[in-house]
Amino acid sequence: MYQVKQIYNRPEVGRRIRSRRQALGLSRQEIADQIGKAEKYFADIERGYCGMSLDTMIDIAGCLGVTLDYLVFGEEEKNEMAEDSKTLLFYLNNCGEKKRRKAMELLKVYLSE
């Protein structure tokens, strides 16, 4: 059986990373800090100037709340949730337990009106 070869396109990966980071309102420095890398290195990844290790790619995907399939190939799951929902989950997953409980309480009150 013949399979179409998928190619790792660094500039496209960088554009997806930048787009998602900006949608979340995060700076390059904030992501670089979260993944334990220099801001210059992260900027080079976004620009497609350099590749990255699988560990770094996994860390970036986790920070941005996306799958590796999306990051590398731009493929989203068929049952992909709305962008606003992904953003909400990202923020809930990246705050402390106390803030998360308070946010959930506020969200429940707001949505029940």
PDB file of N, CA and C in Angstrom:
ATOM      1  N   MET A   1       0.850  -1.173   0.000  1.00  0.00           N
ATOM      2  CA  MET A   1       0.000   0.000   0.000  1.00  0.00           C
ATOM      3  C   MET A   1       0.898   1.238   0.000  1.00  0.00           C
ATOM      4  N   TYR A   2       0.546   2.235  -0.795  1.00  0.00           N
ATOM      5  CA  TYR A   2       1.307   3.466  -0.917  1.00  0.00           C
ATOM      6  C   TYR A   2       0.805   4.505   0.080  1.00  0.00           C
ATOM      7  N   GLN A   3       1.735   5.087   0.832  1.00  0.00           N
ATOM      8  CA  GLN A   3       1.380   6.144   1.778  1.00  0.00           C
ATOM      9  C   GLN A   3       2.017   7.449   1.341  1.00  0.00           C
ATOM     10  N   VAL A   4       1.292   8.539   1.510  1.00  0.00           N
ATOM     11  CA  VAL A   4       1.840   9.850   1.212  1.00  0.00           C
ATOM     12  C   VAL A   4       2.787  10.222   2.340  1.00  0.00           C
ATOM     13  N   LYS A   5       3.985  10.607   1.978  1.00  0.00           N
ATOM     14  CA  LYS A   5       4.979  10.982   2.981  1.00  0.00           C
ATOM     15  C   LYS A   5       4.676  12.387   3.501  1.00  0.00           C
ATOM     16  N   GLN A   6       4.579  12.492   4.815  1.00  0.00           N
ATOM     17  CA  GLN A   6       4.367  13.791   5.426  1.00  0.00           C
ATOM     18  C   GLN A   6       5.724  14.392   5.755  1.00  0.00           C
ATOM     19  N   ILE A   7       5.847  15.682   5.559  1.00  0.00           N
ATOM     20  CA  ILE A   7       7.122  16.361   5.729  1.00  0.00           C
ATOM     21  C   ILE A   7       7.044  17.315   6.911  1.00  0.00           C
ATOM     22  N   TYR A   8       8.116  17.344   7.686  1.00  0.00           N
ATOM     23  CA  TYR A   8       8.241  18.275   8.805  1.00  0.00           C
ATOM     24  C   TYR A   8       8.710  19.610   8.237  1.00  0.00           C
ATOM     25  N   ASN A   9       7.811  20.562   8.172  1.00  0.00           N
ATOM     26  CA  ASN A   9       8.083  21.881   7.606  1.00  0.00           C
ATOM     27  C   ASN A   9       8.287  22.871   8.749  1.00  0.00           C
ATOM     28  N   ARG A  10       9.545  23.168   9.065  1.00  0.00           N
ATOM     29  CA  ARG A  10       9.856  24.026  10.224  1.00  0.00           C
ATOM     30  C   ARG A  10       9.181  25.391  10.171  1.00  0.00           C
ATOM     31  N   PRO A  11       9.171  26.097   9.031  1.00  0.00           N
ATOM     32  CA  PRO A  11       8.479  27.396   9.020  1.00  0.00           C
ATOM     33  C   PRO A  11       6.985  27.287   9.319  1.00  0.00           C
ATOM     34  N   GLU A  12       6.340  26.234   8.810  1.00  0.00           N
ATOM     35  CA  GLU A  12       4.910  26.044   9.085  1.00  0.00           C
ATOM     36  C   GLU A  12       4.672  25.719  10.560  1.00  0.00           C
ATOM     37  N   VAL A  13       5.525  24.888  11.126  1.00  0.00           N
ATOM     38  CA  VAL A  13       5.425  24.573  12.553  1.00  0.00           C
ATOM     39  C   VAL A  13       5.574  25.860  13.361  1.00  0.00           C
ATOM     40  N   GLY A  14       6.555  26.661  12.995  1.00  0.00           N
ATOM     41  CA  GLY A  14       6.776  27.937  13.679  1.00  0.00           C
ATOM     42  C   GLY A  14       5.572  28.856  13.599  1.00  0.00           C
ATOM     43  N   ARG A  15       4.940  28.908  12.416  1.00  0.00           N
ATOM     44  CA  ARG A  15       3.750  29.759  12.257  1.00  0.00           C
ATOM     45  C   ARG A  15       2.605  29.267  13.139  1.00  0.00           C
ATOM     46  N   ARG A  16       2.438  27.947  13.226  1.00  0.00           N
ATOM     47  CA  ARG A  16       1.373  27.421  14.096  1.00  0.00           C
ATOM     48  C   ARG A  16       1.666  27.739  15.569  1.00  0.00           C
ATOM     49  N   ILE A  17       2.929  27.603  15.960  1.00  0.00           N
ATOM     50  CA  ILE A  17       3.312  27.916  17.339  1.00  0.00           C
ATOM     51  C   ILE A  17       3.040  29.387  17.632  1.00  0.00           C
ATOM     52  N   ARG A  18       3.499  30.270  16.748  1.00  0.00           N
ATOM     53  CA  ARG A  18       3.320  31.718  16.949  1.00  0.00           C
ATOM     54  C   ARG A  18       1.839  32.081  17.018  1.00  0.00           C
ATOM     55  N   SER A  19       1.056  31.525  16.105  1.00  0.00           N
ATOM     56  CA  SER A  19      -0.363  31.826  16.059  1.00  0.00           C
ATOM     57  C   SER A  19      -1.058  31.422  17.352  1.00  0.00           C
ATOM     58  N   ARG A  20      -0.774  30.231  17.828  1.00  0.00           N
ATOM     59  CA  ARG A  20      -1.402  29.749  19.066  1.00  0.00           C
ATOM     60  C   ARG A  20      -0.927  30.560  20.268  1.00  0.00           C
ATOM     61  N   ARG A  21       0.379  30.865  20.320  1.00  0.00           N
ATOM     62  CA  ARG A  21       0.917  31.659  21.425  1.00  0.00           C
ATOM     63  C   ARG A  21       0.237  33.022  21.476  1.00  0.00           C
ATOM     64  N   GLN A  22       0.100  33.654  20.325  1.00  0.00           N
ATOM     65  CA  GLN A  22      -0.537  34.969  20.275  1.00  0.00           C
ATOM     66  C   GLN A  22      -2.014  34.890  20.646  1.00  0.00           C
ATOM     67  N   ALA A  23      -2.695  33.820  20.206  1.00  0.00           N
ATOM     68  CA  ALA A  23      -4.110  33.645  20.560  1.00  0.00           C
ATOM     69  C   ALA A  23      -4.287  33.521  22.069  1.00  0.00           C
ATOM     70  N   LEU A  24      -3.280  32.953  22.738  1.00  0.00           N
ATOM     71  CA  LEU A  24      -3.340  32.811  24.197  1.00  0.00           C
ATOM     72  C   LEU A  24      -2.866  34.065  24.917  1.00  0.00           C
ATOM     73  N   GLY A  25      -2.352  35.029  24.157  1.00  0.00           N
ATOM     74  CA  GLY A  25      -1.880  36.275  24.765  1.00  0.00           C
ATOM     75  C   GLY A  25      -0.584  36.110  25.533  1.00  0.00           C
ATOM     76  N   LEU A  26       0.250  35.167  25.117  1.00  0.00           N
ATOM     77  CA  LEU A  26       1.509  34.904  25.810  1.00  0.00           C
ATOM     78  C   LEU A  26       2.681  35.470  25.023  1.00  0.00           C
ATOM     79  N   SER A  27       3.711  35.883  25.733  1.00  0.00           N
ATOM     80  CA  SER A  27       4.920  36.382  25.083  1.00  0.00           C
ATOM     81  C   SER A  27       5.859  35.220  24.793  1.00  0.00           C
ATOM     82  N   ARG A  28       6.820  35.478  23.930  1.00  0.00           N
ATOM     83  CA  ARG A  28       7.845  34.461  23.664  1.00  0.00           C
ATOM     84  C   ARG A  28       8.595  34.125  24.948  1.00  0.00           C
ATOM     85  N   GLN A  29       8.873  35.147  25.731  1.00  0.00           N
ATOM     86  CA  GLN A  29       9.626  34.938  26.968  1.00  0.00           C
ATOM     87  C   GLN A  29       8.853  34.036  27.932  1.00  0.00           C
ATOM     88  N   GLU A  30       7.544  34.217  28.012  1.00  0.00           N
ATOM     89  CA  GLU A  30       6.742  33.382  28.910  1.00  0.00           C
ATOM     90  C   GLU A  30       6.801  31.906  28.504  1.00  0.00           C
ATOM     91  N   ILE A  31       6.680  31.632  27.213  1.00  0.00           N
ATOM     92  CA  ILE A  31       6.762  30.241  26.755  1.00  0.00           C
ATOM     93  C   ILE A  31       8.173  29.704  26.970  1.00  0.00           C
ATOM     94  N   ALA A  32       9.179  30.512  26.619  1.00  0.00           N
ATOM     95  CA  ALA A  32      10.574  30.079  26.796  1.00  0.00           C
ATOM     96  C   ALA A  32      10.836  29.717  28.255  1.00  0.00           C
ATOM     97  N   ASP A  33      10.334  30.536  29.165  1.00  0.00           N
ATOM     98  CA  ASP A  33      10.503  30.247  30.594  1.00  0.00           C
ATOM     99  C   ASP A  33       9.814  28.933  30.972  1.00  0.00           C
ATOM    100  N   GLN A  34       8.617  28.724  30.454  1.00  0.00           N
ATOM    101  CA  GLN A  34       7.865  27.513  30.798  1.00  0.00           C
ATOM    102  C   GLN A  34       8.543  26.243  30.290  1.00  0.00           C
ATOM    103  N   ILE A  35       9.223  26.335  29.141  1.00  0.00           N
ATOM    104  CA  ILE A  35       9.874  25.138  28.599  1.00  0.00           C
ATOM    105  C   ILE A  35      11.346  25.063  28.977  1.00  0.00           C
ATOM    106  N   GLY A  36      11.829  26.058  29.712  1.00  0.00           N
ATOM    107  CA  GLY A  36      13.209  26.034  30.187  1.00  0.00           C
ATOM    108  C   GLY A  36      14.243  26.273  29.097  1.00  0.00           C
ATOM    109  N   LYS A  37      13.899  27.108  28.126  1.00  0.00           N
ATOM    110  CA  LYS A  37      14.810  27.429  27.024  1.00  0.00           C
ATOM    111  C   LYS A  37      14.992  28.941  26.934  1.00  0.00           C
ATOM    112  N   ALA A  38      16.041  29.361  26.232  1.00  0.00           N
ATOM    113  CA  ALA A  38      16.297  30.787  26.024  1.00  0.00           C
ATOM    114  C   ALA A  38      15.252  31.365  25.070  1.00  0.00           C
ATOM    115  N   GLU A  39      14.892  32.619  25.289  1.00  0.00           N
ATOM    116  CA  GLU A  39      13.909  33.290  24.432  1.00  0.00           C
ATOM    117  C   GLU A  39      14.385  33.331  22.987  1.00  0.00           C
ATOM    118  N   LYS A  40      15.659  33.542  22.755  1.00  0.00           N
ATOM    119  CA  LYS A  40      16.226  33.583  21.393  1.00  0.00           C
ATOM    120  C   LYS A  40      16.010  32.244  20.686  1.00  0.00           C
ATOM    121  N   TYR A  41      16.247  31.156  21.386  1.00  0.00           N
ATOM    122  CA  TYR A  41      16.041  29.828  20.810  1.00  0.00           C
ATOM    123  C   TYR A  41      14.571  29.630  20.446  1.00  0.00           C
ATOM    124  N   PHE A  42      13.670  30.007  21.355  1.00  0.00           N
ATOM    125  CA  PHE A  42      12.244  29.864  21.081  1.00  0.00           C
ATOM    126  C   PHE A  42      11.844  30.744  19.899  1.00  0.00           C
ATOM    127  N   ALA A  43      12.382  31.965  19.814  1.00  0.00           N
ATOM    128  CA  ALA A  43      12.094  32.850  18.689  1.00  0.00           C
ATOM    129  C   ALA A  43      12.559  32.219  17.373  1.00  0.00           C
ATOM    130  N   ASP A  44      13.719  31.578  17.392  1.00  0.00           N
ATOM    131  CA  ASP A  44      14.223  30.904  16.194  1.00  0.00           C
ATOM    132  C   ASP A  44      13.322  29.737  15.782  1.00  0.00           C
ATOM    133  N   ILE A  45      12.751  29.045  16.748  1.00  0.00           N
ATOM    134  CA  ILE A  45      11.800  27.971  16.445  1.00  0.00           C
ATOM    135  C   ILE A  45      10.569  28.572  15.763  1.00  0.00           C
ATOM    136  N   GLU A  46      10.037  29.653  16.323  1.00  0.00           N
ATOM    137  CA  GLU A  46       8.866  30.298  15.730  1.00  0.00           C
ATOM    138  C   GLU A  46       9.135  30.785  14.309  1.00  0.00           C
ATOM    139  N   ARG A  47      10.329  31.240  14.059  1.00  0.00           N
ATOM    140  CA  ARG A  47      10.679  31.741  12.725  1.00  0.00           C
ATOM    141  C   ARG A  47      11.013  30.606  11.759  1.00  0.00           C
ATOM    142  N   GLY A  48      11.122  29.384  12.268  1.00  0.00           N
ATOM    143  CA  GLY A  48      11.455  28.252  11.429  1.00  0.00           C
ATOM    144  C   GLY A  48      12.928  28.151  11.100  1.00  0.00           C
ATOM    145  N   TYR A  49      13.749  28.884  11.842  1.00  0.00           N
ATOM    146  CA  TYR A  49      15.195  28.886  11.593  1.00  0.00           C
ATOM    147  C   TYR A  49      15.876  27.623  12.097  1.00  0.00           C
ATOM    148  N   CYS A  50      15.281  27.000  13.102  1.00  0.00           N
ATOM    149  CA  CYS A  50      15.915  25.809  13.654  1.00  0.00           C
ATOM    150  C   CYS A  50      14.848  24.789  14.035  1.00  0.00           C
ATOM    151  N   GLY A  51      15.269  23.550  14.120  1.00  0.00           N
ATOM    152  CA  GLY A  51      14.387  22.491  14.570  1.00  0.00           C
ATOM    153  C   GLY A  51      14.431  22.407  16.085  1.00  0.00           C
ATOM    154  N   MET A  52      13.837  21.358  16.597  1.00  0.00           N
ATOM    155  CA  MET A  52      13.827  21.185  18.049  1.00  0.00           C
ATOM    156  C   MET A  52      13.772  19.704  18.363  1.00  0.00           C
ATOM    157  N   SER A  53      14.167  19.365  19.560  1.00  0.00           N
ATOM    158  CA  SER A  53      14.090  17.969  19.986  1.00  0.00           C
ATOM    159  C   SER A  53      12.633  17.586  20.214  1.00  0.00           C
ATOM    160  N   LEU A  54      12.387  16.310  20.264  1.00  0.00           N
ATOM    161  CA  LEU A  54      11.037  15.830  20.546  1.00  0.00           C
ATOM    162  C   LEU A  54      10.591  16.285  21.930  1.00  0.00           C
ATOM    163  N   ASP A  55      11.506  16.271  22.897  1.00  0.00           N
ATOM    164  CA  ASP A  55      11.168  16.735  24.247  1.00  0.00           C
ATOM    165  C   ASP A  55      10.713  18.192  24.228  1.00  0.00           C
ATOM    166  N   THR A  56      11.425  19.034  23.487  1.00  0.00           N
ATOM    167  CA  THR A  56      11.056  20.448  23.395  1.00  0.00           C
ATOM    168  C   THR A  56       9.710  20.596  22.705  1.00  0.00           C
ATOM    169  N   MET A  57       9.490  19.822  21.656  1.00  0.00           N
ATOM    170  CA  MET A  57       8.221  19.880  20.931  1.00  0.00           C
ATOM    171  C   MET A  57       7.062  19.476  21.847  1.00  0.00           C
ATOM    172  N   ILE A  58       7.266  18.449  22.635  1.00  0.00           N
ATOM    173  CA  ILE A  58       6.229  18.009  23.580  1.00  0.00           C
ATOM    174  C   ILE A  58       5.961  19.105  24.607  1.00  0.00           C
ATOM    175  N   ASP A  59       7.023  19.731  25.115  1.00  0.00           N
ATOM    176  CA  ASP A  59       6.853  20.815  26.091  1.00  0.00           C
ATOM    177  C   ASP A  59       6.075  21.985  25.493  1.00  0.00           C
ATOM    178  N   ILE A  60       6.412  22.364  24.269  1.00  0.00           N
ATOM    179  CA  ILE A  60       5.721  23.482  23.614  1.00  0.00           C
ATOM    180  C   ILE A  60       4.257  23.134  23.376  1.00  0.00           C
ATOM    181  N   ALA A  61       3.994  21.936  22.885  1.00  0.00           N
ATOM    182  CA  ALA A  61       2.604  21.514  22.653  1.00  0.00           C
ATOM    183  C   ALA A  61       1.807  21.557  23.954  1.00  0.00           C
ATOM    184  N   GLY A  62       2.422  21.101  25.045  1.00  0.00           N
ATOM    185  CA  GLY A  62       1.747  21.143  26.343  1.00  0.00           C
ATOM    186  C   GLY A  62       1.463  22.559  26.800  1.00  0.00           C
ATOM    187  N   CYS A  63       2.425  23.446  26.629  1.00  0.00           N
ATOM    188  CA  CYS A  63       2.237  24.851  27.024  1.00  0.00           C
ATOM    189  C   CYS A  63       1.123  25.508  26.224  1.00  0.00           C
ATOM    190  N   LEU A  64       1.025  25.145  24.953  1.00  0.00           N
ATOM    191  CA  LEU A  64       0.048  25.785  24.074  1.00  0.00           C
ATOM    192  C   LEU A  64      -1.294  25.057  24.032  1.00  0.00           C
ATOM    193  N   GLY A  65      -1.357  23.887  24.673  1.00  0.00           N
ATOM    194  CA  GLY A  65      -2.610  23.133  24.704  1.00  0.00           C
ATOM    195  C   GLY A  65      -3.000  22.571  23.346  1.00  0.00           C
ATOM    196  N   VAL A  66      -2.010  22.119  22.569  1.00  0.00           N
ATOM    197  CA  VAL A  66      -2.286  21.529  21.257  1.00  0.00           C
ATOM    198  C   VAL A  66      -1.662  20.137  21.192  1.00  0.00           C
ATOM    199  N   THR A  67      -2.070  19.354  20.196  1.00  0.00           N
ATOM    200  CA  THR A  67      -1.499  18.036  20.007  1.00  0.00           C
ATOM    201  C   THR A  67      -0.234  18.134  19.165  1.00  0.00           C
ATOM    202  N   LEU A  68       0.587  17.100  19.226  1.00  0.00           N
ATOM    203  CA  LEU A  68       1.764  17.049  18.368  1.00  0.00           C
ATOM    204  C   LEU A  68       1.362  16.957  16.899  1.00  0.00           C
ATOM    205  N   ASP A  69       0.283  16.258  16.587  1.00  0.00           N
ATOM    206  CA  ASP A  69      -0.196  16.188  15.204  1.00  0.00           C
ATOM    207  C   ASP A  69      -0.501  17.582  14.668  1.00  0.00           C
ATOM    208  N   TYR A  70      -1.146  18.384  15.488  1.00  0.00           N
ATOM    209  CA  TYR A  70      -1.442  19.744  15.047  1.00  0.00           C
ATOM    210  C   TYR A  70      -0.147  20.543  14.877  1.00  0.00           C
ATOM    211  N   LEU A  71       0.720  20.447  15.855  1.00  0.00           N
ATOM    212  CA  LEU A  71       1.958  21.218  15.824  1.00  0.00           C
ATOM    213  C   LEU A  71       2.807  20.864  14.600  1.00  0.00           C
ATOM    214  N   VAL A  72       3.002  19.587  14.353  1.00  0.00           N
ATOM    215  CA  VAL A  72       3.898  19.151  13.288  1.00  0.00           C
ATOM    216  C   VAL A  72       3.232  19.194  11.914  1.00  0.00           C
ATOM    217  N   PHE A  73       2.001  18.707  11.822  1.00  0.00           N
ATOM    218  CA  PHE A  73       1.370  18.553  10.517  1.00  0.00           C
ATOM    219  C   PHE A  73       0.177  19.476  10.284  1.00  0.00           C
ATOM    220  N   GLY A  74      -0.258  20.192  11.318  1.00  0.00           N
ATOM    221  CA  GLY A  74      -1.414  21.069  11.166  1.00  0.00           C
ATOM    222  C   GLY A  74      -2.724  20.318  11.163  1.00  0.00           C
ATOM    223  N   GLU A  75      -2.681  19.061  11.586  1.00  0.00           N
ATOM    224  CA  GLU A  75      -3.879  18.222  11.582  1.00  0.00           C
ATOM    225  C   GLU A  75      -4.548  18.255  12.945  1.00  0.00           C
ATOM    226  N   GLU A  76      -5.821  18.592  12.921  1.00  0.00           N
ATOM    227  CA  GLU A  76      -6.584  18.612  14.158  1.00  0.00           C
ATOM    228  C   GLU A  76      -7.464  17.379  14.201  1.00  0.00           C
ATOM    229  N   GLU A  77      -7.799  16.971  15.401  1.00  0.00           N
ATOM    230  CA  GLU A  77      -8.704  15.840  15.561  1.00  0.00           C
ATOM    231  C   GLU A  77     -10.072  16.206  15.002  1.00  0.00           C
ATOM    232  N   LYS A  78     -10.772  15.206  14.505  1.00  0.00           N
ATOM    233  CA  LYS A  78     -12.086  15.453  13.915  1.00  0.00           C
ATOM    234  C   LYS A  78     -13.063  16.039  14.924  1.00  0.00           C
ATOM    235  N   ASN A  79     -12.945  15.651  16.174  1.00  0.00           N
ATOM    236  CA  ASN A  79     -13.829  16.154  17.229  1.00  0.00           C
ATOM    237  C   ASN A  79     -13.166  17.283  17.999  1.00  0.00           C
ATOM    238  N   GLU A  80     -12.381  18.060  17.297  1.00  0.00           N
ATOM    239  CA  GLU A  80     -11.638  19.149  17.926  1.00  0.00           C
ATOM    240  C   GLU A  80     -12.595  20.161  18.553  1.00  0.00           C
ATOM    241  N   MET A  81     -12.268  20.606  19.745  1.00  0.00           N
ATOM    242  CA  MET A  81     -13.113  21.571  20.425  1.00  0.00           C
ATOM    243  C   MET A  81     -12.845  22.976  19.887  1.00  0.00           C
ATOM    244  N   ALA A  82     -13.751  23.884  20.145  1.00  0.00           N
ATOM    245  CA  ALA A  82     -13.639  25.263  19.686  1.00  0.00           C
ATOM    246  C   ALA A  82     -12.402  25.928  20.289  1.00  0.00           C
ATOM    247  N   GLU A  83     -11.865  26.884  19.569  1.00  0.00           N
ATOM    248  CA  GLU A  83     -10.649  27.583  20.000  1.00  0.00           C
ATOM    249  C   GLU A  83     -10.838  28.235  21.371  1.00  0.00           C
ATOM    250  N   ASP A  84     -12.003  28.828  21.623  1.00  0.00           N
ATOM    251  CA  ASP A  84     -12.266  29.450  22.923  1.00  0.00           C
ATOM    252  C   ASP A  84     -12.224  28.415  24.048  1.00  0.00           C
ATOM    253  N   SER A  85     -12.751  27.235  23.783  1.00  0.00           N
ATOM    254  CA  SER A  85     -12.736  26.170  24.789  1.00  0.00           C
ATOM    255  C   SER A  85     -11.317  25.717  25.078  1.00  0.00           C
ATOM    256  N   LYS A  86     -10.491  25.598  24.029  1.00  0.00           N
ATOM    257  CA  LYS A  86      -9.091  25.214  24.222  1.00  0.00           C
ATOM    258  C   LYS A  86      -8.352  26.268  25.044  1.00  0.00           C
ATOM    259  N   THR A  87      -8.655  27.530  24.773  1.00  0.00           N
ATOM    260  CA  THR A  87      -8.004  28.612  25.513  1.00  0.00           C
ATOM    261  C   THR A  87      -8.408  28.576  26.981  1.00  0.00           C
ATOM    262  N   LEU A  88      -9.684  28.354  27.231  1.00  0.00           N
ATOM    263  CA  LEU A  88     -10.164  28.256  28.609  1.00  0.00           C
ATOM    264  C   LEU A  88      -9.485  27.105  29.334  1.00  0.00           C
ATOM    265  N   LEU A  89      -9.397  25.949  28.700  1.00  0.00           N
ATOM    266  CA  LEU A  89      -8.720  24.804  29.309  1.00  0.00           C
ATOM    267  C   LEU A  89      -7.247  25.084  29.558  1.00  0.00           C
ATOM    268  N   PHE A  90      -6.626  25.766  28.633  1.00  0.00           N
ATOM    269  CA  PHE A  90      -5.218  26.125  28.807  1.00  0.00           C
ATOM    270  C   PHE A  90      -5.037  26.925  30.099  1.00  0.00           C
ATOM    271  N   TYR A  91      -5.844  27.959  30.275  1.00  0.00           N
ATOM    272  CA  TYR A  91      -5.703  28.798  31.466  1.00  0.00           C
ATOM    273  C   TYR A  91      -6.051  28.043  32.748  1.00  0.00           C
ATOM    274  N   LEU A  92      -7.064  27.210  32.686  1.00  0.00           N
ATOM    275  CA  LEU A  92      -7.418  26.425  33.872  1.00  0.00           C
ATOM    276  C   LEU A  92      -6.323  25.425  34.241  1.00  0.00           C
ATOM    277  N   ASN A  93      -5.694  24.847  33.233  1.00  0.00           N
ATOM    278  CA  ASN A  93      -4.633  23.867  33.486  1.00  0.00           C
ATOM    279  C   ASN A  93      -3.333  24.509  33.955  1.00  0.00           C
ATOM    280  N   ASN A  94      -3.183  25.796  33.715  1.00  0.00           N
ATOM    281  CA  ASN A  94      -1.922  26.461  34.055  1.00  0.00           C
ATOM    282  C   ASN A  94      -2.039  27.414  35.237  1.00  0.00           C
ATOM    283  N   CYS A  95      -3.006  27.169  36.082  1.00  0.00           N
ATOM    284  CA  CYS A  95      -3.087  27.963  37.316  1.00  0.00           C
ATOM    285  C   CYS A  95      -3.140  26.997  38.503  1.00  0.00           C
ATOM    286  N   GLY A  96      -2.984  27.539  39.665  1.00  0.00           N
ATOM    287  CA  GLY A  96      -2.999  26.716  40.866  1.00  0.00           C
ATOM    288  C   GLY A  96      -4.388  26.176  41.175  1.00  0.00           C
ATOM    289  N   GLU A  97      -4.426  25.202  42.038  1.00  0.00           N
ATOM    290  CA  GLU A  97      -5.685  24.541  42.389  1.00  0.00           C
ATOM    291  C   GLU A  97      -6.699  25.526  42.981  1.00  0.00           C
ATOM    292  N   LYS A  98      -6.246  26.422  43.842  1.00  0.00           N
ATOM    293  CA  LYS A  98      -7.151  27.387  44.469  1.00  0.00           C
ATOM    294  C   LYS A  98      -7.784  28.304  43.427  1.00  0.00           C
ATOM    295  N   LYS A  99      -6.967  28.816  42.509  1.00  0.00           N
ATOM    296  CA  LYS A  99      -7.487  29.684  41.448  1.00  0.00           C
ATOM    297  C   LYS A  99      -8.425  28.911  40.525  1.00  0.00           C
ATOM    298  N   ARG A 100      -8.079  27.658  40.239  1.00  0.00           N
ATOM    299  CA  ARG A 100      -8.906  26.841  39.359  1.00  0.00           C
ATOM    300  C   ARG A 100     -10.291  26.624  39.971  1.00  0.00           C
ATOM    301  N   ARG A 101     -10.345  26.308  41.267  1.00  0.00           N
ATOM    302  CA  ARG A 101     -11.638  26.112  41.930  1.00  0.00           C
ATOM    303  C   ARG A 101     -12.463  27.398  41.902  1.00  0.00           C
ATOM    304  N   LYS A 102     -11.817  28.525  42.176  1.00  0.00           N
ATOM    305  CA  LYS A 102     -12.523  29.813  42.173  1.00  0.00           C
ATOM    306  C   LYS A 102     -13.024  30.143  40.765  1.00  0.00           C
ATOM    307  N   ALA A 103     -12.197  29.906  39.758  1.00  0.00           N
ATOM    308  CA  ALA A 103     -12.611  30.168  38.380  1.00  0.00           C
ATOM    309  C   ALA A 103     -13.800  29.301  37.993  1.00  0.00           C
ATOM    310  N   MET A 104     -13.790  28.048  38.407  1.00  0.00           N
ATOM    311  CA  MET A 104     -14.903  27.148  38.096  1.00  0.00           C
ATOM    312  C   MET A 104     -16.183  27.615  38.778  1.00  0.00           C
ATOM    313  N   GLU A 105     -16.067  28.067  40.027  1.00  0.00           N
ATOM    314  CA  GLU A 105     -17.242  28.595  40.730  1.00  0.00           C
ATOM    315  C   GLU A 105     -17.812  29.796  39.990  1.00  0.00           C
ATOM    316  N   LEU A 106     -16.942  30.725  39.604  1.00  0.00           N
ATOM    317  CA  LEU A 106     -17.389  31.923  38.887  1.00  0.00           C
ATOM    318  C   LEU A 106     -18.011  31.568  37.537  1.00  0.00           C
ATOM    319  N   LEU A 107     -17.411  30.633  36.849  1.00  0.00           N
ATOM    320  CA  LEU A 107     -17.926  30.215  35.550  1.00  0.00           C
ATOM    321  C   LEU A 107     -19.304  29.578  35.686  1.00  0.00           C
ATOM    322  N   LYS A 108     -19.477  28.742  36.710  1.00  0.00           N
ATOM    323  CA  LYS A 108     -20.772  28.106  36.926  1.00  0.00           C
ATOM    324  C   LYS A 108     -21.854  29.151  37.214  1.00  0.00           C
ATOM    325  N   VAL A 109     -21.528  30.133  38.053  1.00  0.00           N
ATOM    326  CA  VAL A 109     -22.491  31.191  38.384  1.00  0.00           C
ATOM    327  C   VAL A 109     -22.835  31.979  37.121  1.00  0.00           C
ATOM    328  N   TYR A 110     -21.812  32.356  36.380  1.00  0.00           N
ATOM    329  CA  TYR A 110     -22.022  33.154  35.166  1.00  0.00           C
ATOM    330  C   TYR A 110     -22.858  32.408  34.125  1.00  0.00           C
ATOM    331  N   LEU A 111     -22.556  31.139  33.907  1.00  0.00           N
ATOM    332  CA  LEU A 111     -23.246  30.383  32.885  1.00  0.00           C
ATOM    333  C   LEU A 111     -24.651  29.953  33.281  1.00  0.00           C
ATOM    334  N   SER A 112     -24.937  29.921  34.566  1.00  0.00           N
ATOM    335  CA  SER A 112     -26.266  29.502  35.025  1.00  0.00           C
ATOM    336  C   SER A 112     -27.289  30.636  34.961  1.00  0.00           C
ATOM    337  N   GLU A 113     -26.826  31.842  34.704  1.00  0.00           N
ATOM    338  CA  GLU A 113     -27.754  32.985  34.619  1.00  0.00           C
ATOM    339  C   GLU A 113     -28.481  33.025  33.302  1.00  0.00           C
TER     340      GLU A 113
END
